[in-house]
Amino acid sequence: MTLLLYGGGVLDDLPLLERRGVRRIFGWVRIPDATTFGRWLRRAGSALVPLLDGLLREIVRWRWTHKGVPGSVTLLLDSTVVVRYGDKQEGAEVGYNAKKVGRPSHHPLLAFIQETGDCLGVRWRPGKAHTAAGAEDWIGDLVAWLRSQGIGDITVRLDKGFFSRSMVEALEELGVRFVLKIPAHGWLRDHHNGPWRPSKRGEGISPKGEAWTASGELWGVRLLSLEIRRPVEPEEGTLTLDTYEVADSAHILTNIEGIHVVSGWRRYNQGAVVEQRIKELVQLSVGRTAIDDLGGNALLWGLGSLAYQLLHVFRTLCLTGRWRRAQPDRLRAWFLRLPGKHSRHSRKRYLSLLADEPLRPRLLGGLRTLARGLPPPLAQA
């Protein structure tokens, strides 16, 4: 976790913690060799992954005791594809891979809270696993934990990769609200209760054209459909008809009573923040390292999600202003990276700073403040 927060991405970066003074900060005697550390991961993976899940949720609960337990939450689940270029990582299989078609990959599943940004865990999966593989059981576990924290109003947001009748039935059985996107199948039109109508609420929703809406029912829940239509000029010599083309469309299943089609579409789009959370994990280099062991790879992802959550606790509880929304790259540059060299000579310790280091004046000011015995001020936006 320290390596990820500091800026390393693979096990071969472990010497960074040796030669830049980090070992002294934490009181570590030695930094393990990459090969040795890999053996530890293989040995401890299957045993430590469940413990990491419990530790991660304990950190989330601890943060809520200081920030306040949210009254309502939106649970976001999404998957990501991690391309693998070697053939020795267990679980690196050929599956859905939009960027590198035909390349082996891993396909982890992640869970976040939309309103608070907390990470509730990760499920490591091989590359050929379906988007929704293992999601139903995991959602039930996550919902049970959220209710044990006193949260009764829970909404689950899922993209079209999770669309299935069994998923809808599982969410209904859990008694949670949900917003589930559906692929644009042609047979959905057979489930609309009425004709398509232009929507005043959808004015200005897209520069591509005018918003038209329709609603219906599918599998006992509401079906909300939205189309962006633009008129088509008839060709010369043809009859003038009221023709149009569909520039974009979206179909959503939900059990939220009385919600308008446009409101449901916007409610779903608000959950797109999960892509930003996954991007932050990428900035932490989570997933770059893989070993030839199933439990070890799962443990690496668990450590990565724990590193993200610790950083999220730091920025939301210790910082102010825009720093509370700062991404890992920025936080690492300002708080976690040591812009100099730590050395020891004649029974004294020295910190040599680079002359052109932009953080040099601020760091020197902070050291002088500590020398005077005053508490350092919090960073301002």
Protein backbone atom coordinates (compact mmCIF):
# COMPACT_ATOMS: atom_id res chain seq x y z
CA MET A 1 0.00 0.00 0.00
CA THR A 2 2.85 2.37 0.80
CA LEU A 3 4.41 1.66 -2.59
CA LEU A 4 1.15 2.49 -4.40
CA LEU A 5 0.64 5.71 -2.45
CA TYR A 6 4.27 6.74 -2.96
CA GLY A 7 4.21 6.30 -6.73
CA GLY A 8 5.43 2.78 -7.44
CA GLY A 9 3.36 0.47 -9.58
CA VAL A 10 5.10 -2.91 -9.77
CA LEU A 11 7.01 -5.09 -7.34
CA ASP A 12 10.30 -4.14 -8.98
CA ASP A 13 9.71 -0.59 -7.65
CA LEU A 14 10.14 -1.77 -4.04
CA PRO A 15 13.71 -0.31 -3.86
CA LEU A 16 12.06 3.14 -4.01
CA LEU A 17 11.05 2.60 -0.39
CA GLU A 18 14.63 1.71 0.53
CA ARG A 19 16.67 4.58 -0.84
CA ARG A 20 14.35 7.52 -0.23
CA GLY A 21 13.95 7.39 3.51
CA VAL A 22 10.50 5.77 3.64
CA ARG A 23 11.88 2.77 5.51
CA ARG A 24 13.10 5.04 8.27
CA ILE A 25 9.73 6.82 8.53
CA PHE A 26 7.86 3.55 9.16
CA GLY A 27 10.59 1.91 11.23
CA TRP A 28 11.05 -0.99 8.81
CA VAL A 29 14.29 -2.93 9.18
CA ARG A 30 14.46 -4.08 5.56
CA ILE A 31 12.48 -3.85 2.35
CA PRO A 32 11.74 -7.32 0.93
CA ASP A 33 13.01 -8.36 -2.45
CA ALA A 34 10.35 -8.49 -5.19
CA THR A 35 10.69 -12.28 -5.44
CA THR A 36 10.31 -12.69 -1.67
CA PHE A 37 7.30 -10.40 -1.60
CA GLY A 38 5.71 -12.38 -4.43
CA ARG A 39 6.09 -15.57 -2.39
CA TRP A 40 4.33 -13.88 0.54
CA LEU A 41 1.46 -12.89 -1.73
CA ARG A 42 1.03 -16.45 -2.99
CA ARG A 43 1.17 -17.85 0.52
CA ALA A 44 -1.24 -15.36 2.14
CA GLY A 45 -3.70 -14.54 -0.66
CA SER A 46 -6.58 -16.88 0.11
CA ALA A 47 -6.37 -16.20 3.87
CA LEU A 48 -5.95 -12.42 3.84
CA VAL A 49 -8.50 -11.40 1.18
CA PRO A 50 -11.53 -11.88 3.51
CA LEU A 51 -9.69 -10.03 6.28
CA LEU A 52 -8.94 -7.13 3.94
CA ASP A 53 -12.63 -6.86 3.05
CA GLY A 54 -13.50 -6.53 6.72
CA LEU A 55 -10.70 -4.00 7.31
CA LEU A 56 -11.82 -1.89 4.35
CA ARG A 57 -15.39 -1.69 5.64
CA GLU A 58 -14.11 -0.88 9.13
CA ILE A 59 -12.22 2.10 7.69
CA VAL A 60 -15.36 3.24 5.87
CA ARG A 61 -17.37 2.91 9.08
CA TRP A 62 -14.71 4.84 11.03
CA ARG A 63 -14.81 7.67 8.48
CA TRP A 64 -18.59 7.84 8.77
CA THR A 65 -18.35 8.18 12.56
CA HIS A 66 -16.44 11.44 11.97
CA LYS A 67 -18.34 12.72 8.91
CA GLY A 68 -21.76 11.33 9.81
CA VAL A 69 -23.53 8.25 8.52
CA PRO A 70 -25.35 9.15 5.28
CA GLY A 71 -29.13 8.92 5.42
CA SER A 72 -29.38 7.51 1.90
CA VAL A 73 -26.79 6.06 -0.46
CA THR A 74 -26.48 4.98 -4.07
CA LEU A 75 -24.46 1.79 -4.46
CA LEU A 76 -22.42 1.77 -7.67
CA LEU A 77 -21.04 -1.41 -9.19
CA ASP A 78 -18.84 -1.42 -12.27
CA SER A 79 -16.15 -3.57 -13.81
CA THR A 80 -12.89 -2.68 -15.49
CA VAL A 81 -10.56 -4.51 -17.86
CA VAL A 82 -6.84 -4.77 -17.03
CA VAL A 83 -4.76 -5.87 -20.01
CA ARG A 84 -2.04 -8.45 -19.40
CA TYR A 85 0.90 -8.95 -21.75
CA GLY A 86 2.44 -11.99 -20.11
CA ASP A 87 1.17 -15.56 -20.02
CA LYS A 88 2.18 -16.43 -16.45
CA GLN A 89 -0.45 -14.47 -14.49
CA GLU A 90 -3.14 -16.82 -13.28
CA GLY A 91 -6.58 -15.75 -14.44
CA ALA A 92 -5.25 -13.72 -17.38
CA GLU A 93 -7.70 -15.00 -19.97
CA VAL A 94 -9.04 -13.75 -23.28
CA GLY A 95 -12.45 -12.13 -22.82
CA TYR A 96 -14.10 -8.79 -23.47
CA ASN A 97 -11.32 -6.28 -24.16
CA ALA A 98 -12.33 -3.12 -25.99
CA LYS A 99 -8.83 -1.62 -26.11
CA LYS A 100 -6.71 -4.68 -26.94
CA VAL A 101 -8.97 -7.18 -28.67
CA GLY A 102 -7.73 -10.73 -28.21
CA ARG A 103 -5.29 -9.90 -25.44
CA PRO A 104 -5.49 -11.72 -22.08
CA SER A 105 -6.84 -9.62 -19.24
CA HIS A 106 -8.27 -9.56 -15.74
CA HIS A 107 -11.84 -8.34 -15.17
CA PRO A 108 -12.29 -7.09 -11.57
CA LEU A 109 -15.60 -5.82 -10.17
CA LEU A 110 -15.62 -2.77 -7.88
CA ALA A 111 -18.18 -1.17 -5.56
CA PHE A 112 -18.38 2.49 -4.51
CA ILE A 113 -20.80 4.81 -2.74
CA GLN A 114 -21.86 7.63 -5.07
CA GLU A 115 -22.53 10.30 -2.44
CA THR A 116 -19.44 9.77 -0.27
CA GLY A 117 -16.85 8.32 -2.66
CA ASP A 118 -16.04 5.41 -0.35
CA CYS A 119 -14.84 2.12 -1.82
CA LEU A 120 -16.64 -0.92 -0.41
CA GLY A 121 -14.43 -3.53 -1.99
CA VAL A 122 -13.26 -5.32 -5.10
CA ARG A 123 -13.88 -8.77 -6.50
CA TRP A 124 -11.01 -10.09 -8.58
CA ARG A 125 -12.07 -12.15 -11.60
CA PRO A 126 -10.42 -13.72 -14.65
CA GLY A 127 -10.61 -11.98 -18.00
CA LYS A 128 -13.36 -14.09 -19.52
CA ALA A 129 -15.75 -13.55 -16.58
CA HIS A 130 -19.05 -11.93 -17.50
CA THR A 131 -19.66 -8.38 -16.26
CA ALA A 132 -22.30 -9.58 -13.79
CA ALA A 133 -20.44 -12.70 -12.62
CA GLY A 134 -20.81 -12.90 -8.84
CA ALA A 135 -22.60 -9.54 -8.66
CA GLU A 136 -25.94 -10.78 -7.28
CA ASP A 137 -24.46 -12.43 -4.19
CA TRP A 138 -22.07 -9.54 -3.61
CA ILE A 139 -24.85 -6.92 -3.80
CA GLY A 140 -26.77 -8.86 -1.17
CA ASP A 141 -23.72 -8.84 1.11
CA LEU A 142 -23.11 -5.10 0.56
CA VAL A 143 -26.76 -4.18 1.17
CA ALA A 144 -26.79 -6.20 4.39
CA TRP A 145 -23.68 -4.37 5.64
CA LEU A 146 -25.09 -0.94 4.74
CA ARG A 147 -28.29 -1.71 6.65
CA SER A 148 -26.26 -2.83 9.64
CA GLN A 149 -24.77 0.70 9.67
CA GLY A 150 -28.26 2.21 9.96
CA ILE A 151 -28.78 3.11 6.29
CA GLY A 152 -32.27 2.17 5.15
CA ASP A 153 -32.60 4.15 1.91
CA ILE A 154 -30.42 2.29 -0.60
CA THR A 155 -30.46 2.66 -4.39
CA VAL A 156 -28.41 0.36 -6.64
CA ARG A 157 -27.17 1.74 -9.96
CA LEU A 158 -26.03 -0.74 -12.62
CA ASP A 159 -25.09 -0.44 -16.27
CA LYS A 160 -26.37 -2.61 -19.10
CA GLY A 161 -23.74 -5.31 -18.52
CA PHE A 162 -25.74 -6.39 -15.43
CA PHE A 163 -29.07 -6.58 -17.26
CA SER A 164 -30.89 -9.86 -16.69
CA ARG A 165 -34.18 -11.05 -15.28
CA SER A 166 -32.46 -12.79 -12.39
CA MET A 167 -30.73 -9.52 -11.42
CA VAL A 168 -34.07 -7.66 -11.37
CA GLU A 169 -35.63 -10.38 -9.23
CA ALA A 170 -32.66 -10.36 -6.85
CA LEU A 171 -32.86 -6.58 -6.38
CA GLU A 172 -36.61 -6.76 -5.80
CA GLU A 173 -36.11 -9.48 -3.20
CA LEU A 174 -33.54 -7.33 -1.38
CA GLY A 175 -36.11 -4.55 -1.11
CA VAL A 176 -33.83 -1.83 -2.52
CA ARG A 177 -34.52 0.75 -5.17
CA PHE A 178 -32.55 0.37 -8.38
CA VAL A 179 -31.78 2.03 -11.72
CA LEU A 180 -30.65 -0.51 -14.30
CA LYS A 181 -29.75 0.37 -17.88
CA ILE A 182 -30.92 -1.91 -20.67
CA PRO A 183 -29.37 -2.55 -24.09
CA ALA A 184 -31.40 -1.03 -26.93
CA HIS A 185 -33.24 -4.19 -27.99
CA GLY A 186 -35.93 -3.79 -30.62
CA TRP A 187 -38.43 -5.90 -28.65
CA LEU A 188 -38.54 -3.28 -25.88
CA ARG A 189 -41.07 -1.30 -27.95
CA ASP A 190 -43.58 -4.10 -27.39
CA HIS A 191 -43.58 -3.29 -23.65
CA HIS A 192 -44.46 0.41 -23.94
CA ASN A 193 -47.90 1.36 -22.64
CA GLY A 194 -48.42 4.29 -24.97
CA PRO A 195 -46.97 6.26 -27.89
CA TRP A 196 -43.78 8.28 -27.87
CA ARG A 197 -44.25 11.91 -26.84
CA PRO A 198 -42.00 14.98 -26.89
CA SER A 199 -40.83 15.93 -23.41
CA LYS A 200 -40.66 19.50 -22.12
CA ARG A 201 -38.47 18.31 -19.25
CA GLY A 202 -35.98 17.11 -21.80
CA GLU A 203 -35.55 20.49 -23.50
CA GLY A 204 -31.87 21.20 -23.94
CA ILE A 205 -30.92 17.75 -22.68
CA SER A 206 -28.90 17.09 -25.82
CA PRO A 207 -27.64 19.29 -28.67
CA LYS A 208 -28.31 16.44 -31.08
CA GLY A 209 -32.07 16.97 -31.16
CA GLU A 210 -35.36 16.84 -29.27
CA ALA A 211 -36.11 14.47 -26.39
CA TRP A 212 -39.01 12.01 -26.80
CA THR A 213 -40.09 9.65 -24.04
CA ALA A 214 -42.16 6.53 -23.55
CA SER A 215 -42.81 4.28 -20.56
CA GLY A 216 -44.05 0.78 -19.94
CA GLU A 217 -43.50 -2.32 -17.85
CA LEU A 218 -41.09 -5.24 -17.98
CA TRP A 219 -40.86 -8.09 -15.48
CA GLY A 220 -43.08 -6.25 -13.03
CA VAL A 221 -41.02 -3.02 -12.87
CA ARG A 222 -41.12 0.23 -14.79
CA LEU A 223 -39.52 0.58 -18.22
CA LEU A 224 -38.38 4.13 -19.06
CA SER A 225 -37.28 4.91 -22.62
CA LEU A 226 -35.72 8.09 -23.97
CA GLU A 227 -34.85 8.97 -27.56
CA ILE A 228 -33.10 12.02 -29.00
CA ARG A 229 -34.70 12.69 -32.37
CA ARG A 230 -33.76 15.14 -35.07
CA PRO A 231 -35.75 15.90 -38.22
CA VAL A 232 -34.58 14.71 -41.59
CA GLU A 233 -35.05 16.91 -44.64
CA PRO A 234 -36.83 15.02 -47.43
CA GLU A 235 -34.94 14.49 -50.63
CA GLU A 236 -35.93 16.53 -53.68
CA GLY A 237 -38.75 14.96 -55.62
CA THR A 238 -40.07 12.89 -52.69
CA LEU A 239 -43.18 13.34 -50.57
CA THR A 240 -42.88 15.67 -47.59
CA LEU A 241 -43.40 13.45 -44.54
CA ASP A 242 -42.81 13.92 -40.85
CA THR A 243 -39.59 11.93 -40.81
CA TYR A 244 -36.81 11.84 -38.24
CA GLU A 245 -33.75 9.89 -37.23
CA VAL A 246 -32.78 8.73 -33.75
CA ALA A 247 -29.48 10.33 -32.74
CA ASP A 248 -29.33 8.61 -29.33
CA SER A 249 -31.46 6.43 -27.08
CA ALA A 250 -31.50 5.02 -23.55
CA HIS A 251 -33.68 2.45 -21.80
CA ILE A 252 -33.82 2.03 -18.03
CA LEU A 253 -35.53 -0.37 -15.65
CA THR A 254 -36.44 0.97 -12.21
CA ASN A 255 -38.76 0.29 -9.30
CA ILE A 256 -38.81 3.95 -8.19
CA GLU A 257 -42.47 4.91 -8.16
CA GLY A 258 -43.56 8.05 -10.00
CA ILE A 259 -40.17 9.02 -11.38
CA HIS A 260 -40.25 10.74 -14.77
CA VAL A 261 -38.35 9.26 -17.71
CA VAL A 262 -35.94 12.20 -17.94
CA SER A 263 -35.42 12.20 -14.16
CA GLY A 264 -34.66 8.48 -14.24
CA TRP A 265 -32.18 8.99 -17.06
CA ARG A 266 -30.45 11.76 -15.12
CA ARG A 267 -30.45 9.64 -11.97
CA TYR A 268 -28.61 6.92 -13.86
CA ASN A 269 -26.10 9.35 -15.38
CA GLN A 270 -25.19 10.70 -11.95
CA GLY A 271 -23.69 7.30 -11.23
CA ALA A 272 -21.14 7.81 -14.01
CA VAL A 273 -18.90 9.17 -11.24
CA VAL A 274 -17.84 5.54 -10.75
CA GLU A 275 -15.64 5.95 -13.84
CA GLN A 276 -13.81 8.75 -12.04
CA ARG A 277 -13.25 6.52 -9.01
CA ILE A 278 -11.80 3.78 -11.20
CA LYS A 279 -9.56 6.39 -12.83
CA GLU A 280 -8.21 7.27 -9.39
CA LEU A 281 -7.37 3.62 -8.81
CA VAL A 282 -5.48 3.68 -12.12
CA GLN A 283 -3.53 6.73 -10.89
CA LEU A 284 -2.53 4.63 -7.89
CA SER A 285 -1.27 1.96 -10.34
CA VAL A 286 -3.72 -0.57 -8.91
CA GLY A 287 -3.73 -3.64 -11.12
CA ARG A 288 -0.40 -3.06 -12.84
CA THR A 289 1.23 -5.84 -10.86
CA ALA A 290 0.14 -9.44 -11.28
CA ILE A 291 1.61 -12.78 -10.22
CA ASP A 292 1.00 -16.39 -11.18
CA ASP A 293 -1.38 -17.08 -8.31
CA LEU A 294 -5.16 -16.64 -8.02
CA GLY A 295 -5.22 -15.62 -4.35
CA GLY A 296 -2.14 -13.41 -4.71
CA ASN A 297 -3.74 -11.39 -7.52
CA ALA A 298 -6.91 -10.97 -5.47
CA LEU A 299 -4.78 -9.82 -2.53
CA LEU A 300 -3.02 -7.22 -4.70
CA TRP A 301 -6.38 -5.76 -5.74
CA GLY A 302 -7.57 -5.77 -2.13
CA LEU A 303 -4.46 -3.86 -1.05
CA GLY A 304 -5.05 -1.39 -3.88
CA SER A 305 -8.62 -0.67 -2.84
CA LEU A 306 -7.44 -0.26 0.76
CA ALA A 307 -4.79 2.25 -0.38
CA TYR A 308 -7.50 4.22 -2.21
CA GLN A 309 -9.75 4.29 0.86
CA LEU A 310 -6.93 5.44 3.17
CA LEU A 311 -6.15 8.26 0.74
CA HIS A 312 -9.86 9.13 0.61
CA VAL A 313 -9.96 9.31 4.42
CA PHE A 314 -6.93 11.60 4.39
CA ARG A 315 -8.32 14.06 1.85
CA THR A 316 -11.85 14.21 3.29
CA LEU A 317 -10.93 14.43 6.98
CA CYS A 318 -7.55 16.20 7.01
CA LEU A 319 -7.79 18.68 4.12
CA THR A 320 -10.05 21.59 3.27
CA GLY A 321 -11.53 23.26 0.20
CA ARG A 322 -10.74 21.81 -3.20
CA TRP A 323 -8.12 19.52 -1.69
CA ARG A 324 -10.97 17.27 -0.53
CA ARG A 325 -11.62 16.44 -4.19
CA ALA A 326 -7.97 16.25 -5.25
CA GLN A 327 -6.96 13.17 -7.20
CA PRO A 328 -4.15 10.81 -6.18
CA ASP A 329 -1.61 12.26 -8.63
CA ARG A 330 -1.96 15.72 -7.08
CA LEU A 331 -2.02 14.48 -3.49
CA ARG A 332 1.05 12.36 -4.08
CA ALA A 333 2.99 15.30 -5.53
CA TRP A 334 2.12 17.66 -2.67
CA PHE A 335 2.02 15.42 0.39
CA LEU A 336 3.49 11.97 -0.18
CA ARG A 337 6.50 12.56 -2.43
CA LEU A 338 9.78 13.54 -0.74
CA PRO A 339 11.47 16.16 -2.99
CA GLY A 340 14.98 15.54 -1.76
CA LYS A 341 17.46 13.11 -0.27
CA HIS A 342 17.79 11.98 3.33
CA SER A 343 21.33 11.24 4.52
CA ARG A 344 23.30 10.73 7.74
CA HIS A 345 26.78 12.00 8.57
CA SER A 346 28.70 12.58 11.80
CA ARG A 347 25.77 11.34 13.90
CA LYS A 348 23.50 13.94 12.30
CA ARG A 349 20.68 13.61 9.82
CA TYR A 350 20.41 15.84 6.78
CA LEU A 351 17.60 16.55 4.33
CA SER A 352 18.97 17.86 1.03
CA LEU A 353 16.33 19.52 -1.13
CA LEU A 354 16.58 20.12 -4.85
CA ALA A 355 17.19 23.80 -5.62
CA ASP A 356 14.55 23.89 -8.36
CA GLU A 357 11.97 21.86 -6.43
CA PRO A 358 8.67 23.85 -6.49
CA LEU A 359 7.69 22.54 -3.06
CA ARG A 360 11.00 23.53 -1.46
CA PRO A 361 9.83 26.86 0.08
CA ARG A 362 6.67 25.28 1.50
CA LEU A 363 8.52 22.30 2.93
CA LEU A 364 11.19 24.48 4.53
CA GLY A 365 8.49 26.65 6.04
CA GLY A 366 6.78 23.59 7.45
CA LEU A 367 10.04 22.32 8.98
CA ARG A 368 10.67 25.70 10.62
CA THR A 369 7.15 25.65 12.04
CA LEU A 370 7.75 22.21 13.52
CA ALA A 371 11.06 23.36 14.95
CA ARG A 372 9.24 26.13 16.82
CA GLY A 373 6.86 23.56 18.30
CA LEU A 374 3.75 24.96 16.61
CA PRO A 375 1.14 22.73 14.98
CA PRO A 376 1.31 22.88 11.15
CA PRO A 377 -1.66 24.60 9.48
CA LEU A 378 -3.97 22.66 7.20
CA ALA A 379 -3.50 23.25 3.50
CA GLN A 380 -5.93 25.79 2.10
CA ALA A 381 -7.61 25.62 -1.32
